[in-house]
Amino acid sequence: MFTGIIEKTGTIKTVISTGSNKSFWISSPLAQSLKIDQSLSHNGVCLTIEEIKDDQHRVTAIEETLLKTSLSIWQNETVINLERSLQFNGRLDGHLVQGHVDCIATCIEVVEKAGSWEFLFSFPEKFAAFIIEKGSVTVNGISLTCFNITDTQFTVAIIPYTFENTNMNCLKKGDMVNIEWDMVGKYVQRKLNLNDPGAL
């Protein structure tokens, strides 16, 4: 479980394909504080630490993960967002994030607003029920508030700190991002879909 508050960015250093899987060696300032078998959010995808060497750690993504996330297009020098798992002895600064990506969205516009940035994303219409105006959404692991939503688009505003300390500063028109919708909304929608008379 995560909060969507990014700790550091990391850089892909090696990509190894083995059968239908891909392993990644990632360099970051977090490497020496990590432990084998620990969960770590990589651009919003929860992956298990398998090996640590110096300033790098290794993770593996299986076919299912590669099909549903942007990990399949990671290459050497790709910059990614990293967050260690939530500790329940502190403040929850973002929102509850599982690290289970629901879909991929595409950046269709980036607008600089004299000190902040707005990013417009398009997503598959079948997920329209999971997003609400001023609700929470996770973009590449970052907890953000969405606005100007339609059935296929939403916008997020990025403050300078987030822009400078995440890979949002690398994002450009046409890039794909990992999306995880708010967990509460997904449970509500599931209940409605089951036609439960007690549904909200």
C-alpha atoms as a PDB file:
ATOM      1  CA  MET A   1       0.000   0.000   0.000  1.00  0.00           C
ATOM      2  CA  PHE A   2       1.257   3.466  -0.951  1.00  0.00           C
ATOM      3  CA  THR A   3       0.198   7.111  -0.693  1.00  0.00           C
ATOM      4  CA  GLY A   4       1.129   8.518  -4.083  1.00  0.00           C
ATOM      5  CA  ILE A   5       3.719  10.871  -2.584  1.00  0.00           C
ATOM      6  CA  ILE A   6       6.879  10.242  -4.616  1.00  0.00           C
ATOM      7  CA  GLU A   7      10.128   9.935  -2.635  1.00  0.00           C
ATOM      8  CA  LYS A   8      12.736   9.878  -5.402  1.00  0.00           C
ATOM      9  CA  THR A   9      13.120   9.259  -9.089  1.00  0.00           C
ATOM     10  CA  GLY A  10      15.175   6.398 -10.484  1.00  0.00           C
ATOM     11  CA  THR A  11      16.782   5.692 -13.851  1.00  0.00           C
ATOM     12  CA  ILE A  12      16.550   2.432 -15.811  1.00  0.00           C
ATOM     13  CA  LYS A  13      20.093   1.165 -16.388  1.00  0.00           C
ATOM     14  CA  THR A  14      19.572  -2.333 -17.806  1.00  0.00           C
ATOM     15  CA  VAL A  15      16.589  -4.138 -19.356  1.00  0.00           C
ATOM     16  CA  ILE A  16      16.736  -7.944 -19.566  1.00  0.00           C
ATOM     17  CA  SER A  17      14.095  -9.973 -21.444  1.00  0.00           C
ATOM     18  CA  THR A  18      13.622 -13.569 -20.290  1.00  0.00           C
ATOM     19  CA  GLY A  19      10.771 -15.435 -21.961  1.00  0.00           C
ATOM     20  CA  SER A  20       7.656 -13.307 -21.501  1.00  0.00           C
ATOM     21  CA  ASN A  21       9.157 -11.405 -18.544  1.00  0.00           C
ATOM     22  CA  LYS A  22      11.341  -8.308 -18.325  1.00  0.00           C
ATOM     23  CA  SER A  23      13.786  -7.517 -15.540  1.00  0.00           C
ATOM     24  CA  PHE A  24      15.017  -3.997 -14.836  1.00  0.00           C
ATOM     25  CA  TRP A  25      18.091  -2.717 -13.029  1.00  0.00           C
ATOM     26  CA  ILE A  26      17.237   0.727 -11.622  1.00  0.00           C
ATOM     27  CA  SER A  27      19.643   3.281 -10.194  1.00  0.00           C
ATOM     28  CA  SER A  28      18.344   5.553  -7.423  1.00  0.00           C
ATOM     29  CA  PRO A  29      19.244   7.228  -4.112  1.00  0.00           C
ATOM     30  CA  LEU A  30      16.883   4.754  -2.394  1.00  0.00           C
ATOM     31  CA  ALA A  31      18.845   1.620  -3.337  1.00  0.00           C
ATOM     32  CA  GLN A  32      20.841   1.218  -0.120  1.00  0.00           C
ATOM     33  CA  SER A  33      17.741   1.693   2.055  1.00  0.00           C
ATOM     34  CA  LEU A  34      15.834  -1.084   0.278  1.00  0.00           C
ATOM     35  CA  LYS A  35      15.553  -4.744   1.283  1.00  0.00           C
ATOM     36  CA  ILE A  36      15.138  -7.923  -0.729  1.00  0.00           C
ATOM     37  CA  ASP A  37      11.443  -8.963  -1.024  1.00  0.00           C
ATOM     38  CA  GLN A  38      10.282  -5.421  -0.241  1.00  0.00           C
ATOM     39  CA  SER A  39       7.460  -3.811  -2.244  1.00  0.00           C
ATOM     40  CA  LEU A  40       8.313  -0.622  -4.104  1.00  0.00           C
ATOM     41  CA  SER A  41       6.131   1.513  -6.368  1.00  0.00           C
ATOM     42  CA  HIS A  42       7.690   2.097  -9.810  1.00  0.00           C
ATOM     43  CA  ASN A  43       5.671   4.689 -11.773  1.00  0.00           C
ATOM     44  CA  GLY A  44       2.687   3.456  -9.778  1.00  0.00           C
ATOM     45  CA  VAL A  45       3.363  -0.265 -10.294  1.00  0.00           C
ATOM     46  CA  CYS A  46       4.027  -2.343  -7.178  1.00  0.00           C
ATOM     47  CA  LEU A  47       7.052  -4.554  -7.834  1.00  0.00           C
ATOM     48  CA  THR A  48       9.155  -6.742  -5.516  1.00  0.00           C
ATOM     49  CA  ILE A  49      12.845  -6.009  -4.921  1.00  0.00           C
ATOM     50  CA  GLU A  50      14.801  -9.084  -6.038  1.00  0.00           C
ATOM     51  CA  GLU A  51      18.425  -7.946  -5.853  1.00  0.00           C
ATOM     52  CA  ILE A  52      20.429  -4.904  -4.715  1.00  0.00           C
ATOM     53  CA  LYS A  53      23.915  -3.900  -5.880  1.00  0.00           C
ATOM     54  CA  ASP A  54      25.530  -0.588  -4.938  1.00  0.00           C
ATOM     55  CA  ASP A  55      23.130   2.152  -6.081  1.00  0.00           C
ATOM     56  CA  GLN A  56      20.875  -0.168  -8.103  1.00  0.00           C
ATOM     57  CA  HIS A  57      18.062  -2.625  -7.467  1.00  0.00           C
ATOM     58  CA  ARG A  58      16.472  -5.243  -9.721  1.00  0.00           C
ATOM     59  CA  VAL A  59      12.785  -6.036 -10.251  1.00  0.00           C
ATOM     60  CA  THR A  60      10.920  -8.270 -12.692  1.00  0.00           C
ATOM     61  CA  ALA A  61       7.629  -7.621 -14.469  1.00  0.00           C
ATOM     62  CA  ILE A  62       5.657 -10.616 -15.704  1.00  0.00           C
ATOM     63  CA  GLU A  63       3.581 -10.704 -18.904  1.00  0.00           C
ATOM     64  CA  GLU A  64       0.346  -9.566 -17.201  1.00  0.00           C
ATOM     65  CA  THR A  65       2.075  -6.465 -15.823  1.00  0.00           C
ATOM     66  CA  LEU A  66       3.726  -5.674 -19.151  1.00  0.00           C
ATOM     67  CA  LEU A  67       0.387  -5.898 -20.965  1.00  0.00           C
ATOM     68  CA  LYS A  68      -1.458  -3.527 -18.618  1.00  0.00           C
ATOM     69  CA  THR A  69       1.192  -0.900 -17.851  1.00  0.00           C
ATOM     70  CA  SER A  70       3.788   1.235 -19.589  1.00  0.00           C
ATOM     71  CA  LEU A  71       6.640  -0.972 -18.351  1.00  0.00           C
ATOM     72  CA  SER A  72       6.791  -2.676 -21.733  1.00  0.00           C
ATOM     73  CA  ILE A  73       8.238   0.503 -23.272  1.00  0.00           C
ATOM     74  CA  TRP A  74      10.810   1.237 -20.552  1.00  0.00           C
ATOM     75  CA  GLN A  75      14.339   1.440 -21.894  1.00  0.00           C
ATOM     76  CA  ASN A  76      17.780   2.506 -20.687  1.00  0.00           C
ATOM     77  CA  GLU A  77      17.765   6.018 -19.166  1.00  0.00           C
ATOM     78  CA  THR A  78      13.963   6.101 -18.713  1.00  0.00           C
ATOM     79  CA  VAL A  79      13.271   8.131 -15.546  1.00  0.00           C
ATOM     80  CA  ILE A  80      10.641   6.664 -13.195  1.00  0.00           C
ATOM     81  CA  ASN A  81       8.949   7.660  -9.928  1.00  0.00           C
ATOM     82  CA  LEU A  82       9.704   5.626  -6.787  1.00  0.00           C
ATOM     83  CA  GLU A  83       7.842   5.295  -3.491  1.00  0.00           C
ATOM     84  CA  ARG A  84       8.395   2.874  -0.639  1.00  0.00           C
ATOM     85  CA  SER A  85       5.361   1.253   0.973  1.00  0.00           C
ATOM     86  CA  LEU A  86       3.198   3.111   3.486  1.00  0.00           C
ATOM     87  CA  GLN A  87       4.045   2.961   7.185  1.00  0.00           C
ATOM     88  CA  PHE A  88       0.996   3.230   9.438  1.00  0.00           C
ATOM     89  CA  ASN A  89       2.766   5.394  12.000  1.00  0.00           C
ATOM     90  CA  GLY A  90       2.660   8.666  10.111  1.00  0.00           C
ATOM     91  CA  ARG A  91       0.440  11.034   8.152  1.00  0.00           C
ATOM     92  CA  LEU A  92      -1.310   9.941   4.969  1.00  0.00           C
ATOM     93  CA  ASP A  93      -0.389  12.858   2.721  1.00  0.00           C
ATOM     94  CA  GLY A  94      -1.815  11.582  -0.579  1.00  0.00           C
ATOM     95  CA  HIS A  95      -4.511   8.906  -0.816  1.00  0.00           C
ATOM     96  CA  LEU A  96      -4.558   5.123  -0.503  1.00  0.00           C
ATOM     97  CA  VAL A  97      -2.782   3.646  -3.529  1.00  0.00           C
ATOM     98  CA  GLN A  98      -2.411  -0.104  -4.074  1.00  0.00           C
ATOM     99  CA  GLY A  99       0.177  -0.055  -6.842  1.00  0.00           C
ATOM    100  CA  HIS A 100      -2.212  -2.044  -9.044  1.00  0.00           C
ATOM    101  CA  VAL A 101      -2.475  -0.172 -12.348  1.00  0.00           C
ATOM    102  CA  ASP A 102      -5.939  -0.118 -13.930  1.00  0.00           C
ATOM    103  CA  CYS A 103      -5.077   1.214 -17.370  1.00  0.00           C
ATOM    104  CA  ILE A 104      -2.749   3.314 -19.484  1.00  0.00           C
ATOM    105  CA  ALA A 105      -3.584   6.912 -20.388  1.00  0.00           C
ATOM    106  CA  THR A 106      -1.973   9.140 -23.013  1.00  0.00           C
ATOM    107  CA  CYS A 107      -0.765  12.692 -22.489  1.00  0.00           C
ATOM    108  CA  ILE A 108      -2.460  14.800 -25.151  1.00  0.00           C
ATOM    109  CA  GLU A 109      -1.504  18.302 -24.013  1.00  0.00           C
ATOM    110  CA  VAL A 110       0.967  20.047 -21.708  1.00  0.00           C
ATOM    111  CA  VAL A 111       0.327  23.692 -20.824  1.00  0.00           C
ATOM    112  CA  GLU A 112       2.740  25.844 -18.839  1.00  0.00           C
ATOM    113  CA  LYS A 113       0.823  28.283 -16.623  1.00  0.00           C
ATOM    114  CA  ALA A 114       3.495  30.766 -15.458  1.00  0.00           C
ATOM    115  CA  GLY A 115       4.698  28.783 -12.468  1.00  0.00           C
ATOM    116  CA  SER A 116       2.603  25.627 -12.716  1.00  0.00           C
ATOM    117  CA  TRP A 117       1.727  23.088 -15.402  1.00  0.00           C
ATOM    118  CA  GLU A 118      -1.474  21.447 -16.588  1.00  0.00           C
ATOM    119  CA  PHE A 119      -1.452  17.996 -18.199  1.00  0.00           C
ATOM    120  CA  LEU A 120      -4.419  16.707 -20.192  1.00  0.00           C
ATOM    121  CA  PHE A 121      -4.774  12.931 -20.471  1.00  0.00           C
ATOM    122  CA  SER A 122      -7.035  10.647 -22.498  1.00  0.00           C
ATOM    123  CA  PHE A 123      -8.110   7.238 -21.188  1.00  0.00           C
ATOM    124  CA  PRO A 124     -10.387   4.349 -22.318  1.00  0.00           C
ATOM    125  CA  GLU A 125     -14.070   5.246 -21.978  1.00  0.00           C
ATOM    126  CA  LYS A 126     -14.870   2.017 -20.110  1.00  0.00           C
ATOM    127  CA  PHE A 127     -13.197   3.564 -17.040  1.00  0.00           C
ATOM    128  CA  ALA A 128     -15.352   6.732 -17.037  1.00  0.00           C
ATOM    129  CA  ALA A 129     -17.327   5.622 -13.969  1.00  0.00           C
ATOM    130  CA  PHE A 130     -14.192   5.558 -11.801  1.00  0.00           C
ATOM    131  CA  ILE A 131     -13.319   9.255 -12.039  1.00  0.00           C
ATOM    132  CA  ILE A 132     -15.066  12.276 -10.533  1.00  0.00           C
ATOM    133  CA  GLU A 133     -14.442  16.022 -10.626  1.00  0.00           C
ATOM    134  CA  LYS A 134     -11.885  16.993  -7.942  1.00  0.00           C
ATOM    135  CA  GLY A 135     -11.376  13.314  -7.133  1.00  0.00           C
ATOM    136  CA  SER A 136      -8.063  11.527  -6.619  1.00  0.00           C
ATOM    137  CA  VAL A 137      -6.192   9.759  -9.399  1.00  0.00           C
ATOM    138  CA  THR A 138      -2.745   8.181  -9.472  1.00  0.00           C
ATOM    139  CA  VAL A 139      -0.615   9.104 -12.501  1.00  0.00           C
ATOM    140  CA  ASN A 140       2.704   7.222 -12.718  1.00  0.00           C
ATOM    141  CA  GLY A 141       2.408   6.674  -8.982  1.00  0.00           C
ATOM    142  CA  ILE A 142       1.704  10.334  -8.141  1.00  0.00           C
ATOM    143  CA  SER A 143      -1.404  11.181  -6.114  1.00  0.00           C
ATOM    144  CA  LEU A 144      -3.135  14.020  -8.000  1.00  0.00           C
ATOM    145  CA  THR A 145      -6.496  15.795  -8.129  1.00  0.00           C
ATOM    146  CA  CYS A 146      -8.307  15.648 -11.474  1.00  0.00           C
ATOM    147  CA  PHE A 147     -10.588  18.284 -12.989  1.00  0.00           C
ATOM    148  CA  ASN A 148     -12.299  19.164 -16.281  1.00  0.00           C
ATOM    149  CA  ILE A 149     -13.229  15.520 -16.650  1.00  0.00           C
ATOM    150  CA  THR A 150     -15.155  13.934 -19.509  1.00  0.00           C
ATOM    151  CA  ASP A 151     -15.861  10.300 -20.307  1.00  0.00           C
ATOM    152  CA  THR A 152     -12.428   9.988 -21.897  1.00  0.00           C
ATOM    153  CA  GLN A 153     -10.272  12.854 -20.586  1.00  0.00           C
ATOM    154  CA  PHE A 154      -9.100  14.572 -17.409  1.00  0.00           C
ATOM    155  CA  THR A 155      -6.651  17.308 -16.453  1.00  0.00           C
ATOM    156  CA  VAL A 156      -4.249  17.590 -13.525  1.00  0.00           C
ATOM    157  CA  ALA A 157      -2.336  20.644 -12.309  1.00  0.00           C
ATOM    158  CA  ILE A 158       1.276  20.249 -11.202  1.00  0.00           C
ATOM    159  CA  ILE A 159       2.993  22.563  -8.713  1.00  0.00           C
ATOM    160  CA  PRO A 160       6.716  23.374  -9.095  1.00  0.00           C
ATOM    161  CA  TYR A 161       7.839  20.977  -6.336  1.00  0.00           C
ATOM    162  CA  THR A 162       6.071  17.996  -7.944  1.00  0.00           C
ATOM    163  CA  PHE A 163       7.290  19.003 -11.405  1.00  0.00           C
ATOM    164  CA  GLU A 164      10.897  19.206 -10.219  1.00  0.00           C
ATOM    165  CA  ASN A 165      10.916  16.064  -8.047  1.00  0.00           C
ATOM    166  CA  THR A 166       9.020  13.552 -10.211  1.00  0.00           C
ATOM    167  CA  ASN A 167       9.201  12.466 -13.837  1.00  0.00           C
ATOM    168  CA  MET A 168       6.402  14.885 -14.778  1.00  0.00           C
ATOM    169  CA  ASN A 169       9.199  17.137 -16.049  1.00  0.00           C
ATOM    170  CA  CYS A 170      10.017  14.441 -18.642  1.00  0.00           C
ATOM    171  CA  LEU A 171       6.426  13.977 -19.808  1.00  0.00           C
ATOM    172  CA  LYS A 172       5.472  15.235 -23.253  1.00  0.00           C
ATOM    173  CA  LYS A 173       2.553  14.986 -25.657  1.00  0.00           C
ATOM    174  CA  GLY A 174       2.032  11.402 -26.817  1.00  0.00           C
ATOM    175  CA  ASP A 175       3.663   9.759 -23.781  1.00  0.00           C
ATOM    176  CA  MET A 176       1.840   6.957 -21.973  1.00  0.00           C
ATOM    177  CA  VAL A 177       1.330   6.912 -18.208  1.00  0.00           C
ATOM    178  CA  ASN A 178       0.094   4.364 -15.677  1.00  0.00           C
ATOM    179  CA  ILE A 179      -3.284   5.118 -14.096  1.00  0.00           C
ATOM    180  CA  GLU A 180      -4.762   3.751 -10.877  1.00  0.00           C
ATOM    181  CA  TRP A 181      -8.259   4.974 -10.073  1.00  0.00           C
ATOM    182  CA  ASP A 182      -9.315   5.704  -6.491  1.00  0.00           C
ATOM    183  CA  MET A 183      -9.883   2.442  -4.637  1.00  0.00           C
ATOM    184  CA  VAL A 184     -13.070   3.628  -2.905  1.00  0.00           C
ATOM    185  CA  GLY A 185     -14.673   4.502  -6.239  1.00  0.00           C
ATOM    186  CA  LYS A 186     -13.828   1.074  -7.647  1.00  0.00           C
ATOM    187  CA  TYR A 187     -15.539  -0.691  -4.739  1.00  0.00           C
ATOM    188  CA  VAL A 188     -18.627   1.521  -5.072  1.00  0.00           C
ATOM    189  CA  GLN A 189     -18.825   0.816  -8.808  1.00  0.00           C
ATOM    190  CA  ARG A 190     -18.430  -2.919  -8.199  1.00  0.00           C
ATOM    191  CA  LYS A 191     -21.336  -2.842  -5.755  1.00  0.00           C
ATOM    192  CA  LEU A 192     -23.505  -0.969  -8.242  1.00  0.00           C
ATOM    193  CA  ASN A 193     -22.609  -3.406 -11.004  1.00  0.00           C
ATOM    194  CA  LEU A 194     -23.839  -6.291  -8.863  1.00  0.00           C
ATOM    195  CA  ASN A 195     -27.263  -4.593  -8.673  1.00  0.00           C
ATOM    196  CA  ASP A 196     -27.210  -4.808  -4.912  1.00  0.00           C
ATOM    197  CA  PRO A 197     -30.402  -3.164  -3.558  1.00  0.00           C
ATOM    198  CA  GLY A 198     -28.286  -1.729  -0.746  1.00  0.00           C
ATOM    199  CA  ALA A 199     -25.916   0.027  -3.135  1.00  0.00           C
ATOM    200  CA  LEU A 200     -25.206   3.699  -2.599  1.00  0.00           C
END
